[in-house]
């Protein structure tokens, strides 16, 4: 029993203490490769970083971006989900997942991710509601689109008044679509 507790302690403290120097170095090299478009090389470097530090959320996210760029969509989705699991506040992983699902025309999964944002990242509710509105509008469910846009609008009035004006126009456009049906 004590050996298990020590092992758990070592794993947890290792995960919480940050990344090893080697993992950081590999990660930074991978980021540079991503920036210059050498996505295959970058994905290899991120995989090596993850071999050093299996809980390196940013490496999962960056490798997901590499995979996404080289059209390995299933691998990208897996890495973005892993990044979210390890680092719940990784809003970029959520938004990239939404983009992938929308590109695949899998609006149900895209909507699930917006729901995850609303639950996990309430500070990003404005973007989540706006994106939900866009998705519902794309699938022709204007009633739900309006509801989502109005939720976004309520937040925008407090946080981003200029964006609230844009939302008013979007809501008016959706209302005209519902009336023309």
Protein backbone atom coordinates (compact mmCIF):
# COMPACT_ATOMS: atom_id res chain seq x y z
CA UNK A 1 0.00 0.00 0.00
CA UNK A 2 2.77 2.47 0.89
CA UNK A 3 4.57 1.78 -2.39
CA UNK A 4 1.39 2.67 -4.30
CA UNK A 5 1.00 5.93 -2.36
CA UNK A 6 4.62 6.85 -3.05
CA UNK A 7 4.17 6.09 -6.75
CA UNK A 8 0.98 8.19 -6.91
CA UNK A 9 2.77 11.02 -5.09
CA UNK A 10 5.70 10.90 -7.53
CA UNK A 11 3.39 10.88 -10.54
CA UNK A 12 1.30 13.76 -9.22
CA UNK A 13 4.25 15.87 -8.14
CA UNK A 14 5.98 15.19 -11.43
CA UNK A 15 2.87 16.24 -13.35
CA UNK A 16 2.48 19.40 -11.26
CA UNK A 17 6.11 20.47 -11.29
CA UNK A 18 6.08 21.40 -14.95
CA UNK A 19 7.82 19.97 -17.93
CA UNK A 20 11.35 18.63 -17.99
CA UNK A 21 14.02 20.65 -19.74
CA UNK A 22 14.21 18.07 -22.51
CA UNK A 23 10.43 18.09 -23.04
CA UNK A 24 10.42 21.92 -23.14
CA UNK A 25 13.29 21.94 -25.61
CA UNK A 26 11.54 19.45 -27.90
CA UNK A 27 8.29 21.40 -27.56
CA UNK A 28 9.97 24.70 -28.48
CA UNK A 29 11.65 23.08 -31.49
CA UNK A 30 8.27 21.69 -32.53
CA UNK A 31 6.64 25.12 -32.27
CA UNK A 32 9.37 26.53 -34.53
CA UNK A 33 8.78 23.75 -37.05
CA UNK A 34 5.03 24.45 -36.99
CA UNK A 35 5.71 28.14 -37.60
CA UNK A 36 7.76 27.45 -40.73
CA UNK A 37 5.27 24.90 -42.04
CA UNK A 38 7.27 21.73 -41.36
CA UNK A 39 4.28 20.06 -39.78
CA UNK A 40 5.46 16.45 -40.09
CA UNK A 41 8.74 17.33 -38.35
CA UNK A 42 6.83 19.29 -35.72
CA UNK A 43 4.50 16.39 -34.96
CA UNK A 44 7.52 14.12 -34.41
CA UNK A 45 9.08 16.63 -32.00
CA UNK A 46 5.83 16.99 -30.06
CA UNK A 47 5.55 13.20 -29.87
CA UNK A 48 9.07 13.09 -28.45
CA UNK A 49 8.17 15.81 -25.92
CA UNK A 50 5.14 13.77 -24.90
CA UNK A 51 7.32 10.69 -24.45
CA UNK A 52 9.29 12.76 -21.93
CA UNK A 53 6.22 14.34 -20.30
CA UNK A 54 2.96 12.45 -20.99
CA UNK A 55 0.86 15.18 -19.32
CA UNK A 56 2.18 18.06 -21.42
CA UNK A 57 -1.14 19.61 -22.49
CA UNK A 58 0.43 22.28 -24.70
CA UNK A 59 2.36 19.61 -26.59
CA UNK A 60 -0.89 17.76 -27.26
CA UNK A 61 -2.46 20.98 -28.52
CA UNK A 62 0.48 21.84 -30.77
CA UNK A 63 0.73 18.30 -32.12
CA UNK A 64 -3.00 18.48 -32.80
CA UNK A 65 -2.38 21.64 -34.82
CA UNK A 66 0.36 19.83 -36.76
CA UNK A 67 -1.93 16.90 -37.44
CA UNK A 68 -4.73 19.23 -38.44
CA UNK A 69 -2.44 20.95 -40.92
CA UNK A 70 -1.41 17.67 -42.53
CA UNK A 71 -5.02 16.49 -42.66
CA UNK A 72 -4.68 13.75 -40.03
CA UNK A 73 -8.02 14.84 -38.62
CA UNK A 74 -8.73 11.90 -36.31
CA UNK A 75 -5.30 12.28 -34.69
CA UNK A 76 -5.84 16.03 -34.38
CA UNK A 77 -9.22 15.52 -32.70
CA UNK A 78 -7.70 13.02 -30.29
CA UNK A 79 -4.90 15.41 -29.35
CA UNK A 80 -7.24 18.37 -28.88
CA UNK A 81 -9.46 16.28 -26.62
CA UNK A 82 -6.40 15.19 -24.63
CA UNK A 83 -5.26 18.82 -24.33
CA UNK A 84 -8.71 19.77 -23.03
CA UNK A 85 -8.71 16.91 -20.55
CA UNK A 86 -5.30 17.91 -19.21
CA UNK A 87 -5.78 21.66 -19.38
CA UNK A 88 -9.48 22.45 -19.20
CA UNK A 89 -8.86 26.15 -19.79
CA UNK A 90 -7.32 25.54 -23.23
CA UNK A 91 -9.91 27.57 -25.15
CA UNK A 92 -7.91 27.21 -28.38
CA UNK A 93 -8.31 23.43 -28.27
CA UNK A 94 -12.08 23.82 -27.88
CA UNK A 95 -12.41 26.32 -30.71
CA UNK A 96 -10.24 24.29 -33.06
CA UNK A 97 -12.34 21.21 -32.32
CA UNK A 98 -15.46 23.20 -33.18
CA UNK A 99 -13.87 24.27 -36.45
CA UNK A 100 -12.96 20.68 -37.34
CA UNK A 101 -16.46 19.41 -36.58
CA UNK A 102 -18.03 22.24 -38.58
CA UNK A 103 -15.73 21.45 -41.52
CA UNK A 104 -16.86 17.83 -41.27
CA UNK A 105 -20.47 19.04 -41.15
CA UNK A 106 -20.87 17.34 -37.78
CA UNK A 107 -22.85 20.11 -36.17
CA UNK A 108 -24.03 17.94 -33.26
CA UNK A 109 -20.44 17.45 -32.09
CA UNK A 110 -19.64 21.13 -32.67
CA UNK A 111 -22.60 22.05 -30.48
CA UNK A 112 -21.41 19.59 -27.81
CA UNK A 113 -18.09 21.42 -27.68
CA UNK A 114 -19.82 24.79 -27.30
CA UNK A 115 -21.72 23.28 -24.38
CA UNK A 116 -18.42 22.13 -22.87
CA UNK A 117 -17.11 25.69 -23.14
CA UNK A 118 -20.18 27.04 -21.38
CA UNK A 119 -19.69 24.58 -18.52
CA UNK A 120 -15.89 24.59 -18.27
CA UNK A 121 -15.01 28.14 -19.35
CA UNK A 122 -17.81 30.50 -18.35
CA UNK A 123 -15.56 33.50 -19.08
CA UNK A 124 -15.80 32.48 -22.75
CA UNK A 125 -19.59 32.26 -22.82
CA UNK A 126 -19.94 35.16 -25.25
CA UNK A 127 -17.95 33.34 -27.94
CA UNK A 128 -19.64 30.03 -27.18
CA UNK A 129 -23.13 31.46 -27.54
CA UNK A 130 -22.19 33.34 -30.69
CA UNK A 131 -20.72 30.19 -32.21
CA UNK A 132 -23.84 28.22 -31.22
CA UNK A 133 -25.92 30.85 -33.02
CA UNK A 134 -23.79 30.47 -36.14
CA UNK A 135 -24.09 26.69 -36.06
CA UNK A 136 -27.85 26.75 -35.57
CA UNK A 137 -28.12 29.29 -38.37
CA UNK A 138 -26.06 27.04 -40.66
CA UNK A 139 -28.41 24.11 -40.05
CA UNK A 140 -31.47 26.30 -40.48
CA UNK A 141 -32.76 26.21 -36.89
CA UNK A 142 -33.38 29.93 -36.64
CA UNK A 143 -35.30 29.74 -33.37
CA UNK A 144 -32.31 28.21 -31.58
CA UNK A 145 -29.97 30.56 -33.44
CA UNK A 146 -31.92 33.54 -32.11
CA UNK A 147 -31.86 32.17 -28.59
CA UNK A 148 -28.09 31.68 -28.73
CA UNK A 149 -27.46 35.11 -30.29
CA UNK A 150 -29.64 36.77 -27.66
CA UNK A 151 -27.69 35.04 -24.91
CA UNK A 152 -24.49 36.33 -26.50
CA UNK A 153 -26.02 39.79 -26.83
CA UNK A 154 -26.85 39.98 -23.11
CA UNK A 155 -23.23 39.28 -22.26
CA UNK A 156 -21.90 41.60 -24.96
CA UNK A 157 -23.90 44.57 -23.65
CA UNK A 158 -21.90 44.26 -20.40
CA UNK A 159 -18.53 43.28 -21.79
CA UNK A 160 -18.25 44.40 -25.41
CA UNK A 161 -20.79 47.06 -26.41
CA UNK A 162 -19.41 47.34 -29.97
CA UNK A 163 -19.91 43.61 -30.45
CA UNK A 164 -23.46 43.96 -29.10
CA UNK A 165 -24.21 46.28 -32.03
CA UNK A 166 -22.94 43.63 -34.44
CA UNK A 167 -25.11 41.05 -32.71
CA UNK A 168 -28.18 43.24 -33.09
CA UNK A 169 -27.62 43.20 -36.87
CA UNK A 170 -27.11 39.42 -36.83
CA UNK A 171 -30.33 38.97 -34.83
CA UNK A 172 -32.22 41.20 -37.27
CA UNK A 173 -30.92 39.13 -40.20
CA UNK A 174 -32.02 35.87 -38.54
CA UNK A 175 -35.41 37.35 -37.67
CA UNK A 176 -35.93 38.24 -41.32
CA UNK A 177 -35.13 34.62 -42.24
CA UNK A 178 -37.74 33.33 -39.80
CA UNK A 179 -40.37 35.68 -41.19
CA UNK A 180 -39.67 34.69 -44.78
CA UNK A 181 -40.30 31.02 -44.03
